[in-house]
Structures are given as C-alpha cells and as structure tokens.
Amino acid sequence: MVHVSGCAKGCAHPGAADVTLTARDGVYDVALNAAPGGTPWRSSLTPSEAINAVASLSGADLSVEELSRVR
C-alpha cells in the first residue's frame, strides 16, 4: 500500500504503510514500511523526484520486509 500524507501527523491513516510519502514545506519524504513522519528512505524530494522514487520500487517486486531494507 502507498500512503500519501499532507503532514507527519498522519491523521487519516496513522499506521505504517509499505510506502509512505509525507509532505512538508513543499517537498516530500518517502519512508518504507513506516507511518507518516517515519525515518525517510529518501527526503526533501520534489514532487517529480518522489514519483520517480516510488516508481523505482514498483519494478523491484520486493516484499514488505525487503522494502524496509532498501537503501
């Protein structure tokens, strides 16, 4: 599951998702197997960079456990 959150509070879905994009100050952080505000895998991405980062994971065919170890 991919979750997009407008802030680190994650009010609509505070739990972990396979991929979480969290907006902050006009950029996005991408966290793997984490809740909004979790430790980012990639941070301070433009919208285009965030899309590319998530798209790069889609072809990887990784399990949730493997996603959490992607660096």
PDB file of N, CA and C in Angstrom:
ATOM      1  N   MET A   1       0.840  -1.167   0.000  1.00  0.00           N
ATOM      2  CA  MET A   1       0.000   0.000   0.000  1.00  0.00           C
ATOM      3  C   MET A   1       0.891   1.237   0.000  1.00  0.00           C
ATOM      4  N   VAL A   2       0.506   2.228  -0.791  1.00  0.00           N
ATOM      5  CA  VAL A   2       1.169   3.536  -0.801  1.00  0.00           C
ATOM      6  C   VAL A   2       0.250   4.526  -0.095  1.00  0.00           C
ATOM      7  N   HIS A   3       0.798   5.231   0.870  1.00  0.00           N
ATOM      8  CA  HIS A   3       0.034   6.235   1.609  1.00  0.00           C
ATOM      9  C   HIS A   3       0.666   7.596   1.364  1.00  0.00           C
ATOM     10  N   VAL A   4      -0.158   8.575   0.996  1.00  0.00           N
ATOM     11  CA  VAL A   4       0.300   9.954   0.828  1.00  0.00           C
ATOM     12  C   VAL A   4      -0.322  10.777   1.950  1.00  0.00           C
ATOM     13  N   SER A   5       0.530  11.452   2.716  1.00  0.00           N
ATOM     14  CA  SER A   5       0.056  12.230   3.858  1.00  0.00           C
ATOM     15  C   SER A   5       0.458  13.688   3.687  1.00  0.00           C
ATOM     16  N   GLY A   6      -0.433  14.569   4.083  1.00  0.00           N
ATOM     17  CA  GLY A   6      -0.154  16.000   3.994  1.00  0.00           C
ATOM     18  C   GLY A   6       0.779  16.515   5.072  1.00  0.00           C
ATOM     19  N   CYS A   7       0.992  15.717   6.109  1.00  0.00           N
ATOM     20  CA  CYS A   7       1.916  16.121   7.172  1.00  0.00           C
ATOM     21  C   CYS A   7       2.340  14.890   7.964  1.00  0.00           C
ATOM     22  N   ALA A   8       3.274  15.074   8.866  1.00  0.00           N
ATOM     23  CA  ALA A   8       3.827  13.956   9.640  1.00  0.00           C
ATOM     24  C   ALA A   8       2.853  13.397  10.669  1.00  0.00           C
ATOM     25  N   LYS A   9       1.743  14.104  10.958  1.00  0.00           N
ATOM     26  CA  LYS A   9       0.785  13.590  11.942  1.00  0.00           C
ATOM     27  C   LYS A   9       0.014  12.395  11.412  1.00  0.00           C
ATOM     28  N   GLY A  10      -0.229  12.333  10.111  1.00  0.00           N
ATOM     29  CA  GLY A  10      -0.917  11.189   9.510  1.00  0.00           C
ATOM     30  C   GLY A  10      -2.280  10.916  10.107  1.00  0.00           C
ATOM     31  N   CYS A  11      -3.084  11.938  10.308  1.00  0.00           N
ATOM     32  CA  CYS A  11      -4.377  11.783  10.980  1.00  0.00           C
ATOM     33  C   CYS A  11      -5.303  10.765  10.305  1.00  0.00           C
ATOM     34  N   ALA A  12      -5.361  10.752   8.978  1.00  0.00           N
ATOM     35  CA  ALA A  12      -6.287   9.852   8.282  1.00  0.00           C
ATOM     36  C   ALA A  12      -5.847   8.396   8.365  1.00  0.00           C
ATOM     37  N   HIS A  13      -4.547   8.170   8.377  1.00  0.00           N
ATOM     38  CA  HIS A  13      -4.004   6.806   8.454  1.00  0.00           C
ATOM     39  C   HIS A  13      -2.681   6.868   9.224  1.00  0.00           C
ATOM     40  N   PRO A  14      -2.734   6.815  10.548  1.00  0.00           N
ATOM     41  CA  PRO A  14      -1.517   6.968  11.336  1.00  0.00           C
ATOM     42  C   PRO A  14      -0.615   5.727  11.362  1.00  0.00           C
ATOM     43  N   GLY A  15      -1.097   4.610  10.836  1.00  0.00           N
ATOM     44  CA  GLY A  15      -0.305   3.381  10.866  1.00  0.00           C
ATOM     45  C   GLY A  15       0.701   3.307   9.727  1.00  0.00           C
ATOM     46  N   ALA A  16       1.506   2.272   9.773  1.00  0.00           N
ATOM     47  CA  ALA A  16       2.534   2.060   8.758  1.00  0.00           C
ATOM     48  C   ALA A  16       1.916   1.588   7.443  1.00  0.00           C
ATOM     49  N   ALA A  17       2.552   1.978   6.352  1.00  0.00           N
ATOM     50  CA  ALA A  17       2.198   1.509   5.010  1.00  0.00           C
ATOM     51  C   ALA A  17       3.489   1.031   4.348  1.00  0.00           C
ATOM     52  N   ASP A  18       3.365   0.261   3.289  1.00  0.00           N
ATOM     53  CA  ASP A  18       4.558  -0.215   2.586  1.00  0.00           C
ATOM     54  C   ASP A  18       5.427   0.954   2.136  1.00  0.00           C
ATOM     55  N   VAL A  19       4.785   1.954   1.551  1.00  0.00           N
ATOM     56  CA  VAL A  19       5.475   3.166   1.097  1.00  0.00           C
ATOM     57  C   VAL A  19       4.650   4.351   1.573  1.00  0.00           C
ATOM     58  N   THR A  20       5.283   5.300   2.254  1.00  0.00           N
ATOM     59  CA  THR A  20       4.596   6.484   2.753  1.00  0.00           C
ATOM     60  C   THR A  20       5.289   7.732   2.241  1.00  0.00           C
ATOM     61  N   LEU A  21       4.537   8.590   1.572  1.00  0.00           N
ATOM     62  CA  LEU A  21       5.029   9.895   1.157  1.00  0.00           C
ATOM     63  C   LEU A  21       4.456  10.913   2.127  1.00  0.00           C
ATOM     64  N   THR A  22       5.320  11.699   2.748  1.00  0.00           N
ATOM     65  CA  THR A  22       4.888  12.713   3.700  1.00  0.00           C
ATOM     66  C   THR A  22       5.318  14.077   3.183  1.00  0.00           C
ATOM     67  N   ALA A  23       4.336  14.981   3.003  1.00  0.00           N
ATOM     68  CA  ALA A  23       4.622  16.334   2.538  1.00  0.00           C
ATOM     69  C   ALA A  23       5.110  17.190   3.691  1.00  0.00           C
ATOM     70  N   ARG A  24       6.054  18.074   3.353  1.00  0.00           N
ATOM     71  CA  ARG A  24       6.498  19.068   4.339  1.00  0.00           C
ATOM     72  C   ARG A  24       7.182  20.216   3.611  1.00  0.00           C
ATOM     73  N   ASP A  25       6.714  21.401   3.839  1.00  0.00           N
ATOM     74  CA  ASP A  25       7.307  22.615   3.264  1.00  0.00           C
ATOM     75  C   ASP A  25       7.542  22.521   1.755  1.00  0.00           C
ATOM     76  N   GLY A  26       6.602  21.959   1.013  1.00  0.00           N
ATOM     77  CA  GLY A  26       6.696  21.917  -0.432  1.00  0.00           C
ATOM     78  C   GLY A  26       7.521  20.780  -1.011  1.00  0.00           C
ATOM     79  N   VAL A  27       8.036  19.901  -0.161  1.00  0.00           N
ATOM     80  CA  VAL A  27       8.792  18.732  -0.621  1.00  0.00           C
ATOM     81  C   VAL A  27       8.202  17.482   0.016  1.00  0.00           C
ATOM     82  N   TYR A  28       8.699  16.326  -0.395  1.00  0.00           N
ATOM     83  CA  TYR A  28       8.202  15.055   0.125  1.00  0.00           C
ATOM     84  C   TYR A  28       9.327  14.212   0.691  1.00  0.00           C
ATOM     85  N   ASP A  29       9.009  13.491   1.748  1.00  0.00           N
ATOM     86  CA  ASP A  29       9.878  12.432   2.263  1.00  0.00           C
ATOM     87  C   ASP A  29       9.217  11.109   1.915  1.00  0.00           C
ATOM     88  N   VAL A  30      10.006  10.120   1.546  1.00  0.00           N
ATOM     89  CA  VAL A  30       9.496   8.787   1.234  1.00  0.00           C
ATOM     90  C   VAL A  30      10.055   7.827   2.271  1.00  0.00           C
ATOM     91  N   ALA A  31       9.169   7.171   2.995  1.00  0.00           N
ATOM     92  CA  ALA A  31       9.570   6.183   4.006  1.00  0.00           C
ATOM     93  C   ALA A  31       9.037   4.818   3.583  1.00  0.00           C
ATOM     94  N   LEU A  32       9.746   3.781   3.940  1.00  0.00           N
ATOM     95  CA  LEU A  32       9.364   2.415   3.589  1.00  0.00           C
ATOM     96  C   LEU A  32       8.959   1.656   4.834  1.00  0.00           C
ATOM     97  N   ASN A  33       7.798   0.965   4.748  1.00  0.00           N
ATOM     98  CA  ASN A  33       7.274   0.205   5.878  1.00  0.00           C
ATOM     99  C   ASN A  33       7.225   1.073   7.132  1.00  0.00           C
ATOM    100  N   ALA A  34       6.635   2.261   6.972  1.00  0.00           N
ATOM    101  CA  ALA A  34       6.631   3.236   8.061  1.00  0.00           C
ATOM    102  C   ALA A  34       5.350   4.057   8.041  1.00  0.00           C
ATOM    103  N   ALA A  35       5.100   4.709   9.158  1.00  0.00           N
ATOM    104  CA  ALA A  35       3.980   5.640   9.280  1.00  0.00           C
ATOM    105  C   ALA A  35       4.443   7.024   8.824  1.00  0.00           C
ATOM    106  N   PRO A  36       3.498   7.941   8.578  1.00  0.00           N
ATOM    107  CA  PRO A  36       3.886   9.314   8.255  1.00  0.00           C
ATOM    108  C   PRO A  36       4.818   9.864   9.331  1.00  0.00           C
ATOM    109  N   GLY A  37       5.871  10.547   8.899  1.00  0.00           N
ATOM    110  CA  GLY A  37       6.846  11.084   9.836  1.00  0.00           C
ATOM    111  C   GLY A  37       7.920  10.086  10.220  1.00  0.00           C
ATOM    112  N   GLY A  38       7.833   8.853   9.686  1.00  0.00           N
ATOM    113  CA  GLY A  38       8.853   7.840   9.973  1.00  0.00           C
ATOM    114  C   GLY A  38      10.179   8.195   9.333  1.00  0.00           C
ATOM    115  N   THR A  39      11.197   7.456   9.689  1.00  0.00           N
ATOM    116  CA  THR A  39      12.527   7.699   9.139  1.00  0.00           C
ATOM    117  C   THR A  39      12.488   7.559   7.623  1.00  0.00           C
ATOM    118  N   PRO A  40      12.872   8.629   6.900  1.00  0.00           N
ATOM    119  CA  PRO A  40      12.765   8.565   5.446  1.00  0.00           C
ATOM    120  C   PRO A  40      13.850   7.715   4.791  1.00  0.00           C
ATOM    121  N   TRP A  41      13.453   7.061   3.712  1.00  0.00           N
ATOM    122  CA  TRP A  41      14.380   6.364   2.828  1.00  0.00           C
ATOM    123  C   TRP A  41      15.024   7.394   1.914  1.00  0.00           C
ATOM    124  N   ARG A  42      14.211   8.331   1.425  1.00  0.00           N
ATOM    125  CA  ARG A  42      14.654   9.471   0.628  1.00  0.00           C
ATOM    126  C   ARG A  42      13.938  10.697   1.189  1.00  0.00           C
ATOM    127  N   SER A  43      14.624  11.847   1.238  1.00  0.00           N
ATOM    128  CA  SER A  43      13.989  13.022   1.828  1.00  0.00           C
ATOM    129  C   SER A  43      14.191  14.261   0.969  1.00  0.00           C
ATOM    130  N   SER A  44      13.357  15.251   1.237  1.00  0.00           N
ATOM    131  CA  SER A  44      13.396  16.554   0.566  1.00  0.00           C
ATOM    132  C   SER A  44      13.286  16.438  -0.950  1.00  0.00           C
ATOM    133  N   LEU A  45      12.373  15.580  -1.416  1.00  0.00           N
ATOM    134  CA  LEU A  45      12.201  15.357  -2.849  1.00  0.00           C
ATOM    135  C   LEU A  45      11.147  16.291  -3.431  1.00  0.00           C
ATOM    136  N   THR A  46      11.381  16.745  -4.649  1.00  0.00           N
ATOM    137  CA  THR A  46      10.344  17.476  -5.369  1.00  0.00           C
ATOM    138  C   THR A  46       9.239  16.482  -5.706  1.00  0.00           C
ATOM    139  N   PRO A  47       8.067  16.958  -6.092  1.00  0.00           N
ATOM    140  CA  PRO A  47       7.020  16.002  -6.489  1.00  0.00           C
ATOM    141  C   PRO A  47       7.486  15.031  -7.575  1.00  0.00           C
ATOM    142  N   SER A  48       8.195  15.513  -8.584  1.00  0.00           N
ATOM    143  CA  SER A  48       8.684  14.626  -9.651  1.00  0.00           C
ATOM    144  C   SER A  48       9.677  13.600  -9.124  1.00  0.00           C
ATOM    145  N   GLU A  49      10.574  14.034  -8.252  1.00  0.00           N
ATOM    146  CA  GLU A  49      11.549  13.102  -7.673  1.00  0.00           C
ATOM    147  C   GLU A  49      10.856  12.047  -6.815  1.00  0.00           C
ATOM    148  N   ALA A  50       9.811  12.449  -6.078  1.00  0.00           N
ATOM    149  CA  ALA A  50       9.070  11.499  -5.247  1.00  0.00           C
ATOM    150  C   ALA A  50       8.381  10.449  -6.114  1.00  0.00           C
ATOM    151  N   ILE A  51       7.779  10.881  -7.215  1.00  0.00           N
ATOM    152  CA  ILE A  51       7.141   9.941  -8.132  1.00  0.00           C
ATOM    153  C   ILE A  51       8.165   8.956  -8.677  1.00  0.00           C
ATOM    154  N   ASN A  52       9.309   9.455  -9.095  1.00  0.00           N
ATOM    155  CA  ASN A  52      10.358   8.577  -9.632  1.00  0.00           C
ATOM    156  C   ASN A  52      10.877   7.605  -8.581  1.00  0.00           C
ATOM    157  N   ALA A  53      11.014   8.061  -7.341  1.00  0.00           N
ATOM    158  CA  ALA A  53      11.495   7.179  -6.274  1.00  0.00           C
ATOM    159  C   ALA A  53      10.517   6.033  -6.038  1.00  0.00           C
ATOM    160  N   VAL A  54       9.227   6.360  -5.966  1.00  0.00           N
ATOM    161  CA  VAL A  54       8.217   5.317  -5.752  1.00  0.00           C
ATOM    162  C   VAL A  54       8.142   4.401  -6.970  1.00  0.00           C
ATOM    163  N   ALA A  55       8.206   4.972  -8.159  1.00  0.00           N
ATOM    164  CA  ALA A  55       8.157   4.160  -9.383  1.00  0.00           C
ATOM    165  C   ALA A  55       9.334   3.204  -9.460  1.00  0.00           C
ATOM    166  N   SER A  56      10.487   3.608  -8.945  1.00  0.00           N
ATOM    167  CA  SER A  56      11.665   2.728  -8.993  1.00  0.00           C
ATOM    168  C   SER A  56      11.457   1.479  -8.143  1.00  0.00           C
ATOM    169  N   LEU A  57      10.586   1.565  -7.152  1.00  0.00           N
ATOM    170  CA  LEU A  57      10.304   0.414  -6.294  1.00  0.00           C
ATOM    171  C   LEU A  57       9.334  -0.561  -6.944  1.00  0.00           C
ATOM    172  N   SER A  58       8.468  -0.065  -7.827  1.00  0.00           N
ATOM    173  CA  SER A  58       7.418  -0.910  -8.385  1.00  0.00           C
ATOM    174  C   SER A  58       7.960  -2.052  -9.224  1.00  0.00           C
ATOM    175  N   GLY A  59       9.051  -1.860  -9.913  1.00  0.00           N
ATOM    176  CA  GLY A  59       9.632  -2.921 -10.727  1.00  0.00           C
ATOM    177  C   GLY A  59      10.512  -3.861  -9.947  1.00  0.00           C
ATOM    178  N   ALA A  60      10.752  -3.532  -8.696  1.00  0.00           N
ATOM    179  CA  ALA A  60      11.672  -4.326  -7.890  1.00  0.00           C
ATOM    180  C   ALA A  60      11.041  -5.613  -7.371  1.00  0.00           C
ATOM    181  N   ASP A  61       9.687  -5.663  -7.294  1.00  0.00           N
ATOM    182  CA  ASP A  61       8.972  -6.840  -6.820  1.00  0.00           C
ATOM    183  C   ASP A  61       9.526  -7.333  -5.477  1.00  0.00           C
ATOM    184  N   LEU A  62       9.563  -6.424  -4.495  1.00  0.00           N
ATOM    185  CA  LEU A  62      10.113  -6.723  -3.178  1.00  0.00           C
ATOM    186  C   LEU A  62       9.002  -6.962  -2.167  1.00  0.00           C
ATOM    187  N   SER A  63       9.284  -7.774  -1.184  1.00  0.00           N
ATOM    188  CA  SER A  63       8.339  -7.971  -0.081  1.00  0.00           C
ATOM    189  C   SER A  63       8.422  -6.768   0.859  1.00  0.00           C
ATOM    190  N   VAL A  64       7.480  -6.657   1.777  1.00  0.00           N
ATOM    191  CA  VAL A  64       7.493  -5.568   2.749  1.00  0.00           C
ATOM    192  C   VAL A  64       8.786  -5.605   3.557  1.00  0.00           C
ATOM    193  N   GLU A  65       9.226  -6.777   3.949  1.00  0.00           N
ATOM    194  CA  GLU A  65      10.465  -6.890   4.716  1.00  0.00           C
ATOM    195  C   GLU A  65      11.659  -6.411   3.894  1.00  0.00           C
ATOM    196  N   GLU A  66      11.680  -6.767   2.610  1.00  0.00           N
ATOM    197  CA  GLU A  66      12.775  -6.331   1.751  1.00  0.00           C
ATOM    198  C   GLU A  66      12.709  -4.828   1.509  1.00  0.00           C
ATOM    199  N   LEU A  67      11.488  -4.290   1.376  1.00  0.00           N
ATOM    200  CA  LEU A  67      11.345  -2.851   1.198  1.00  0.00           C
ATOM    201  C   LEU A  67      11.960  -2.084   2.371  1.00  0.00           C
ATOM    202  N   SER A  68      11.793  -2.594   3.572  1.00  0.00           N
ATOM    203  CA  SER A  68      12.305  -1.897   4.748  1.00  0.00           C
ATOM    204  C   SER A  68      13.838  -1.857   4.766  1.00  0.00           C
ATOM    205  N   ARG A  69      14.473  -2.710   3.964  1.00  0.00           N
ATOM    206  CA  ARG A  69      15.931  -2.731   3.923  1.00  0.00           C
ATOM    207  C   ARG A  69      16.506  -2.017   2.704  1.00  0.00           C
ATOM    208  N   VAL A  70      15.664  -1.472   1.825  1.00  0.00           N
ATOM    209  CA  VAL A  70      16.142  -0.763   0.638  1.00  0.00           C
ATOM    210  C   VAL A  70      16.869   0.488   1.071  1.00  0.00           C
ATOM    211  N   ARG A  71      18.009   0.730   0.492  1.00  0.00           N
ATOM    212  CA  ARG A  71      18.817   1.916   0.828  1.00  0.00           C
ATOM    213  C   ARG A  71      19.070   2.745  -0.402  1.00  0.00           C
TER     214      ARG A  71
END
